[in-house]
Amino acid sequence: ANKEKLTLMFDFFLAKTKNPKRVLVMALIKPDSAKKDIK
C-alpha cells in the first residue's frame, strides 16, 4: 500500500514540478525537503 501511495505521489510531483530529477534525488535523500520543494 505504501509503495503504491509513493508511486502516485511521485507521478503527481513529476507532473507538477519543473525539475523532476532534482525532486527525485531530494525525495530519496531528504523526503521532507522534497515535499517542501513541491509546495
PDB file of N, CA and C in Angstrom:
ATOM      1  N   ALA A   1       0.847  -1.205   0.000  1.00  0.00           N
ATOM      2  CA  ALA A   1       0.000   0.000   0.000  1.00  0.00           C
ATOM      3  C   ALA A   1       0.875   1.246   0.000  1.00  0.00           C
ATOM      4  N   ASN A   2       1.925   1.242   0.813  1.00  0.00           N
ATOM      5  CA  ASN A   2       2.807   2.410   0.887  1.00  0.00           C
ATOM      6  C   ASN A   2       3.495   2.676  -0.435  1.00  0.00           C
ATOM      7  N   LYS A   3       3.958   1.604  -1.079  1.00  0.00           N
ATOM      8  CA  LYS A   3       4.669   1.790  -2.360  1.00  0.00           C
ATOM      9  C   LYS A   3       3.733   2.391  -3.394  1.00  0.00           C
ATOM     10  N   GLU A   4       2.491   1.921  -3.430  1.00  0.00           N
ATOM     11  CA  GLU A   4       1.529   2.471  -4.391  1.00  0.00           C
ATOM     12  C   GLU A   4       1.306   3.952  -4.115  1.00  0.00           C
ATOM     13  N   LYS A   5       1.202   4.293  -2.824  1.00  0.00           N
ATOM     14  CA  LYS A   5       0.997   5.693  -2.443  1.00  0.00           C
ATOM     15  C   LYS A   5       2.176   6.534  -2.914  1.00  0.00           C
ATOM     16  N   LEU A   6       3.384   6.041  -2.671  1.00  0.00           N
ATOM     17  CA  LEU A   6       4.582   6.783  -3.074  1.00  0.00           C
ATOM     18  C   LEU A   6       4.620   6.965  -4.584  1.00  0.00           C
ATOM     19  N   THR A   7       4.254   5.907  -5.307  1.00  0.00           N
ATOM     20  CA  THR A   7       4.267   6.000  -6.772  1.00  0.00           C
ATOM     21  C   THR A   7       3.298   7.073  -7.242  1.00  0.00           C
ATOM     22  N   LEU A   8       2.112   7.091  -6.652  1.00  0.00           N
ATOM     23  CA  LEU A   8       1.128   8.106  -7.033  1.00  0.00           C
ATOM     24  C   LEU A   8       1.652   9.490  -6.700  1.00  0.00           C
ATOM     25  N   MET A   9       2.286   9.624  -5.543  1.00  0.00           N
ATOM     26  CA  MET A   9       2.844  10.912  -5.137  1.00  0.00           C
ATOM     27  C   MET A   9       3.914  11.360  -6.122  1.00  0.00           C
ATOM     28  N   PHE A  10       4.781  10.418  -6.508  1.00  0.00           N
ATOM     29  CA  PHE A  10       5.848  10.764  -7.460  1.00  0.00           C
ATOM     30  C   PHE A  10       5.255  11.189  -8.798  1.00  0.00           C
ATOM     31  N   ASP A  11       4.231  10.473  -9.247  1.00  0.00           N
ATOM     32  CA  ASP A  11       3.582  10.836 -10.516  1.00  0.00           C
ATOM     33  C   ASP A  11       3.049  12.264 -10.429  1.00  0.00           C
ATOM     34  N   PHE A  12       2.430  12.581  -9.295  1.00  0.00           N
ATOM     35  CA  PHE A  12       1.883  13.924  -9.089  1.00  0.00           C
ATOM     36  C   PHE A  12       3.006  14.954  -9.067  1.00  0.00           C
ATOM     37  N   PHE A  13       4.068  14.641  -8.331  1.00  0.00           N
ATOM     38  CA  PHE A  13       5.212  15.552  -8.236  1.00  0.00           C
ATOM     39  C   PHE A  13       5.819  15.793  -9.608  1.00  0.00           C
ATOM     40  N   LEU A  14       6.039  14.720 -10.346  1.00  0.00           N
ATOM     41  CA  LEU A  14       6.672  14.846 -11.663  1.00  0.00           C
ATOM     42  C   LEU A  14       5.815  15.694 -12.595  1.00  0.00           C
ATOM     43  N   ALA A  15       4.510  15.569 -12.442  1.00  0.00           N
ATOM     44  CA  ALA A  15       3.612  16.340 -13.301  1.00  0.00           C
ATOM     45  C   ALA A  15       3.606  17.816 -12.904  1.00  0.00           C
ATOM     46  N   LYS A  16       3.859  18.076 -11.616  1.00  0.00           N
ATOM     47  CA  LYS A  16       3.756  19.439 -11.101  1.00  0.00           C
ATOM     48  C   LYS A  16       5.075  20.205 -11.143  1.00  0.00           C
ATOM     49  N   THR A  17       6.176  19.485 -11.025  1.00  0.00           N
ATOM     50  CA  THR A  17       7.461  20.168 -10.890  1.00  0.00           C
ATOM     51  C   THR A  17       8.116  20.436 -12.233  1.00  0.00           C
ATOM     52  N   LYS A  18       8.959  21.452 -12.267  1.00  0.00           N
ATOM     53  CA  LYS A  18       9.705  21.774 -13.483  1.00  0.00           C
ATOM     54  C   LYS A  18      11.044  21.054 -13.491  1.00  0.00           C
ATOM     55  N   ASN A  19      11.426  20.503 -12.342  1.00  0.00           N
ATOM     56  CA  ASN A  19      12.734  19.845 -12.228  1.00  0.00           C
ATOM     57  C   ASN A  19      12.565  18.473 -11.570  1.00  0.00           C
ATOM     58  N   PRO A  20      11.982  17.503 -12.289  1.00  0.00           N
ATOM     59  CA  PRO A  20      11.686  16.187 -11.712  1.00  0.00           C
ATOM     60  C   PRO A  20      12.910  15.474 -11.183  1.00  0.00           C
ATOM     61  N   LYS A  21      14.041  15.599 -11.884  1.00  0.00           N
ATOM     62  CA  LYS A  21      15.243  14.883 -11.426  1.00  0.00           C
ATOM     63  C   LYS A  21      15.645  15.349 -10.037  1.00  0.00           C
ATOM     64  N   ARG A  22      15.618  16.652  -9.830  1.00  0.00           N
ATOM     65  CA  ARG A  22      16.002  17.192  -8.526  1.00  0.00           C
ATOM     66  C   ARG A  22      15.033  16.696  -7.456  1.00  0.00           C
ATOM     67  N   VAL A  23      13.760  16.663  -7.796  1.00  0.00           N
ATOM     68  CA  VAL A  23      12.755  16.210  -6.832  1.00  0.00           C
ATOM     69  C   VAL A  23      12.989  14.751  -6.463  1.00  0.00           C
ATOM     70  N   LEU A  24      13.285  13.928  -7.460  1.00  0.00           N
ATOM     71  CA  LEU A  24      13.524  12.512  -7.190  1.00  0.00           C
ATOM     72  C   LEU A  24      14.728  12.341  -6.288  1.00  0.00           C
ATOM     73  N   VAL A  25      15.796  13.077  -6.579  1.00  0.00           N
ATOM     74  CA  VAL A  25      17.000  12.983  -5.751  1.00  0.00           C
ATOM     75  C   VAL A  25      16.700  13.437  -4.337  1.00  0.00           C
ATOM     76  N   MET A  26      16.014  14.561  -4.212  1.00  0.00           N
ATOM     77  CA  MET A  26      15.682  15.088  -2.890  1.00  0.00           C
ATOM     78  C   MET A  26      14.765  14.125  -2.145  1.00  0.00           C
ATOM     79  N   ALA A  27      13.843  13.509  -2.878  1.00  0.00           N
ATOM     80  CA  ALA A  27      12.904  12.579  -2.253  1.00  0.00           C
ATOM     81  C   ALA A  27      13.648  11.384  -1.678  1.00  0.00           C
ATOM     82  N   LEU A  28      14.699  10.965  -2.391  1.00  0.00           N
ATOM     83  CA  LEU A  28      15.473   9.818  -1.915  1.00  0.00           C
ATOM     84  C   LEU A  28      16.344  10.200  -0.726  1.00  0.00           C
ATOM     85  N   ILE A  29      16.931  11.400  -0.784  1.00  0.00           N
ATOM     86  CA  ILE A  29      17.859  11.818   0.265  1.00  0.00           C
ATOM     87  C   ILE A  29      17.132  12.481   1.430  1.00  0.00           C
ATOM     88  N   LYS A  30      16.257  13.444   1.094  1.00  0.00           N
ATOM     89  CA  LYS A  30      15.536  14.176   2.141  1.00  0.00           C
ATOM     90  C   LYS A  30      14.066  14.303   1.758  1.00  0.00           C
ATOM     91  N   PRO A  31      13.271  13.298   2.053  1.00  0.00           N
ATOM     92  CA  PRO A  31      11.845  13.305   1.683  1.00  0.00           C
ATOM     93  C   PRO A  31      11.128  14.575   2.146  1.00  0.00           C
ATOM     94  N   ASP A  32      11.418  15.020   3.367  1.00  0.00           N
ATOM     95  CA  ASP A  32      10.745  16.215   3.889  1.00  0.00           C
ATOM     96  C   ASP A  32      11.073  17.431   3.043  1.00  0.00           C
ATOM     97  N   SER A  33      12.334  17.574   2.682  1.00  0.00           N
ATOM     98  CA  SER A  33      12.755  18.716   1.863  1.00  0.00           C
ATOM     99  C   SER A  33      12.080  18.655   0.495  1.00  0.00           C
ATOM    100  N   ALA A  34      11.972  17.458  -0.047  1.00  0.00           N
ATOM    101  CA  ALA A  34      11.344  17.298  -1.360  1.00  0.00           C
ATOM    102  C   ALA A  34       9.889  17.749  -1.288  1.00  0.00           C
ATOM    103  N   LYS A  35       9.210  17.367  -0.207  1.00  0.00           N
ATOM    104  CA  LYS A  35       7.810  17.766  -0.065  1.00  0.00           C
ATOM    105  C   LYS A  35       7.700  19.285  -0.021  1.00  0.00           C
ATOM    106  N   LYS A  36       8.590  19.921   0.725  1.00  0.00           N
ATOM    107  CA  LYS A  36       8.574  21.391   0.802  1.00  0.00           C
ATOM    108  C   LYS A  36       8.839  21.980  -0.574  1.00  0.00           C
ATOM    109  N   ASP A  37       9.764  21.371  -1.317  1.00  0.00           N
ATOM    110  CA  ASP A  37      10.143  21.873  -2.630  1.00  0.00           C
ATOM    111  C   ASP A  37       8.949  21.852  -3.579  1.00  0.00           C
ATOM    112  N   ILE A  38       8.108  20.846  -3.452  1.00  0.00           N
ATOM    113  CA  ILE A  38       6.959  20.713  -4.341  1.00  0.00           C
ATOM    114  C   ILE A  38       5.961  21.832  -4.070  1.00  0.00           C
ATOM    115  N   LYS A  39       5.688  22.065  -2.799  1.00  0.00           N
ATOM    116  CA  LYS A  39       4.720  23.096  -2.433  1.00  0.00           C
ATOM    117  C   LYS A  39       5.318  24.443  -2.761  1.00  0.00           C
TER     118      LYS A  39
END
